[in-house]
Amino acid sequence: MAKRGSDRKVSDDRILLEFLLSADPALFTSEVSDPLPLSRQRVNDLLNELENEGLVTSKTASGRRLWWITPKGHQRVVEAARDKLT
């Protein structure tokens, strides 16, 4: 569970979990950030980092960026949950 920087309040796994909790296959940054104790800008920065790691991917449509979890990201959340429940 990577945590970057001293101001990091939310783990990468918690951010990825938002994608699995949503009924929508893709989310705007605000939809990821709303349930988290982080600003939209901070979540956007973290999503960019997760994209660099291949855990999420994105595209821009009509000037808005849409994000979705990759199979690698999905597997990471499953493994984290399995570790916590074992």
C-alpha atoms as a PDB file:
ATOM      1  CA  MET A   1       0.000   0.000   0.000  1.00  0.00           C
ATOM      2  CA  ALA A   2       2.040   2.925  -1.286  1.00  0.00           C
ATOM      3  CA  LYS A   3       1.780   6.277   0.420  1.00  0.00           C
ATOM      4  CA  ARG A   4       3.590   9.198  -1.121  1.00  0.00           C
ATOM      5  CA  GLY A   5       4.478  12.341   0.759  1.00  0.00           C
ATOM      6  CA  SER A   6       3.821  13.327   4.333  1.00  0.00           C
ATOM      7  CA  ASP A   7       0.394  14.773   3.458  1.00  0.00           C
ATOM      8  CA  ARG A   8      -0.873  11.439   2.131  1.00  0.00           C
ATOM      9  CA  LYS A   9      -4.098  10.600   3.983  1.00  0.00           C
ATOM     10  CA  VAL A  10      -5.521   8.027   1.579  1.00  0.00           C
ATOM     11  CA  SER A  11      -3.824   4.926   0.208  1.00  0.00           C
ATOM     12  CA  ASP A  12      -3.637   4.105  -3.473  1.00  0.00           C
ATOM     13  CA  ASP A  13      -5.758   1.031  -2.766  1.00  0.00           C
ATOM     14  CA  ARG A  14      -8.514   3.205  -1.264  1.00  0.00           C
ATOM     15  CA  ILE A  15      -8.552   5.398  -4.364  1.00  0.00           C
ATOM     16  CA  LEU A  16      -8.710   2.330  -6.609  1.00  0.00           C
ATOM     17  CA  LEU A  17     -11.544   0.928  -4.506  1.00  0.00           C
ATOM     18  CA  GLU A  18     -13.755   3.857  -5.563  1.00  0.00           C
ATOM     19  CA  PHE A  19     -13.784   2.439  -9.094  1.00  0.00           C
ATOM     20  CA  LEU A  20     -14.951  -0.953  -7.868  1.00  0.00           C
ATOM     21  CA  LEU A  21     -17.638   0.579  -5.663  1.00  0.00           C
ATOM     22  CA  SER A  22     -19.122   2.561  -8.539  1.00  0.00           C
ATOM     23  CA  ALA A  23     -21.790   1.223 -10.879  1.00  0.00           C
ATOM     24  CA  ASP A  24     -20.178   3.280 -13.644  1.00  0.00           C
ATOM     25  CA  PRO A  25     -17.190   1.823 -15.511  1.00  0.00           C
ATOM     26  CA  ALA A  26     -15.486   5.228 -15.789  1.00  0.00           C
ATOM     27  CA  LEU A  27     -15.406   8.166 -13.408  1.00  0.00           C
ATOM     28  CA  PHE A  28     -14.583  11.855 -13.515  1.00  0.00           C
ATOM     29  CA  THR A  29     -12.017  13.079 -10.999  1.00  0.00           C
ATOM     30  CA  SER A  30     -14.739  14.696  -8.906  1.00  0.00           C
ATOM     31  CA  GLU A  31     -16.579  11.371  -8.637  1.00  0.00           C
ATOM     32  CA  VAL A  32     -13.435   9.753  -7.258  1.00  0.00           C
ATOM     33  CA  SER A  33     -12.642  12.634  -4.900  1.00  0.00           C
ATOM     34  CA  ASP A  34     -16.137  13.271  -3.463  1.00  0.00           C
ATOM     35  CA  PRO A  35     -16.113  10.385  -0.926  1.00  0.00           C
ATOM     36  CA  LEU A  36     -12.449  10.946  -0.001  1.00  0.00           C
ATOM     37  CA  PRO A  37     -10.876  13.473   2.411  1.00  0.00           C
ATOM     38  CA  LEU A  38      -8.767  14.943  -0.397  1.00  0.00           C
ATOM     39  CA  SER A  39      -9.198  17.839  -2.804  1.00  0.00           C
ATOM     40  CA  ARG A  40     -10.124  17.208  -6.402  1.00  0.00           C
ATOM     41  CA  GLN A  41      -6.704  18.521  -7.479  1.00  0.00           C
ATOM     42  CA  ARG A  42      -4.879  16.159  -5.098  1.00  0.00           C
ATOM     43  CA  VAL A  43      -6.921  13.189  -6.344  1.00  0.00           C
ATOM     44  CA  ASN A  44      -6.159  14.226  -9.934  1.00  0.00           C
ATOM     45  CA  ASP A  45      -2.435  14.243  -9.116  1.00  0.00           C
ATOM     46  CA  LEU A  46      -2.697  10.826  -7.477  1.00  0.00           C
ATOM     47  CA  LEU A  47      -4.687   9.421 -10.410  1.00  0.00           C
ATOM     48  CA  ASN A  48      -1.904  10.609 -12.715  1.00  0.00           C
ATOM     49  CA  GLU A  49       0.587   8.679 -10.577  1.00  0.00           C
ATOM     50  CA  LEU A  50      -1.631   5.593 -10.645  1.00  0.00           C
ATOM     51  CA  GLU A  51      -1.886   5.916 -14.422  1.00  0.00           C
ATOM     52  CA  ASN A  52       1.912   5.990 -14.665  1.00  0.00           C
ATOM     53  CA  GLU A  53       1.911   2.693 -12.739  1.00  0.00           C
ATOM     54  CA  GLY A  54      -0.665   1.164 -15.087  1.00  0.00           C
ATOM     55  CA  LEU A  55      -3.352   0.882 -12.386  1.00  0.00           C
ATOM     56  CA  VAL A  56      -5.821   3.275 -14.029  1.00  0.00           C
ATOM     57  CA  THR A  57      -6.110   4.785 -17.477  1.00  0.00           C
ATOM     58  CA  SER A  58      -7.865   7.860 -18.805  1.00  0.00           C
ATOM     59  CA  LYS A  59      -9.078   9.824 -21.773  1.00  0.00           C
ATOM     60  CA  THR A  60     -10.295  13.362 -22.244  1.00  0.00           C
ATOM     61  CA  ALA A  61     -13.765  13.844 -23.689  1.00  0.00           C
ATOM     62  CA  SER A  62     -15.422  17.214 -24.167  1.00  0.00           C
ATOM     63  CA  GLY A  63     -12.717  18.843 -22.107  1.00  0.00           C
ATOM     64  CA  ARG A  64     -13.218  16.519 -19.119  1.00  0.00           C
ATOM     65  CA  ARG A  65     -10.986  13.660 -18.123  1.00  0.00           C
ATOM     66  CA  LEU A  66     -12.519  10.253 -17.581  1.00  0.00           C
ATOM     67  CA  TRP A  67     -10.714   7.555 -15.574  1.00  0.00           C
ATOM     68  CA  TRP A  68     -11.188   3.805 -15.288  1.00  0.00           C
ATOM     69  CA  ILE A  69      -9.389   1.047 -13.459  1.00  0.00           C
ATOM     70  CA  THR A  70      -7.215  -1.383 -15.416  1.00  0.00           C
ATOM     71  CA  PRO A  71      -7.119  -5.138 -14.874  1.00  0.00           C
ATOM     72  CA  LYS A  72      -3.819  -4.599 -13.030  1.00  0.00           C
ATOM     73  CA  GLY A  73      -5.506  -2.057 -10.723  1.00  0.00           C
ATOM     74  CA  HIS A  74      -8.460  -4.355 -10.160  1.00  0.00           C
ATOM     75  CA  GLN A  75      -6.144  -7.207  -9.202  1.00  0.00           C
ATOM     76  CA  ARG A  76      -4.289  -4.957  -6.771  1.00  0.00           C
ATOM     77  CA  VAL A  77      -7.514  -4.073  -4.931  1.00  0.00           C
ATOM     78  CA  VAL A  78      -8.532  -7.737  -4.792  1.00  0.00           C
ATOM     79  CA  GLU A  79      -5.140  -8.732  -3.377  1.00  0.00           C
ATOM     80  CA  ALA A  80      -5.245  -5.923  -0.798  1.00  0.00           C
ATOM     81  CA  ALA A  81      -8.714  -7.024   0.313  1.00  0.00           C
ATOM     82  CA  ARG A  82      -7.638 -10.645   0.450  1.00  0.00           C
ATOM     83  CA  ASP A  83      -4.636  -9.703   2.618  1.00  0.00           C
ATOM     84  CA  LYS A  84      -6.836  -7.750   5.033  1.00  0.00           C
ATOM     85  CA  LEU A  85      -9.393 -10.551   5.291  1.00  0.00           C
ATOM     86  CA  THR A  86      -6.894 -13.343   5.839  1.00  0.00           C
END
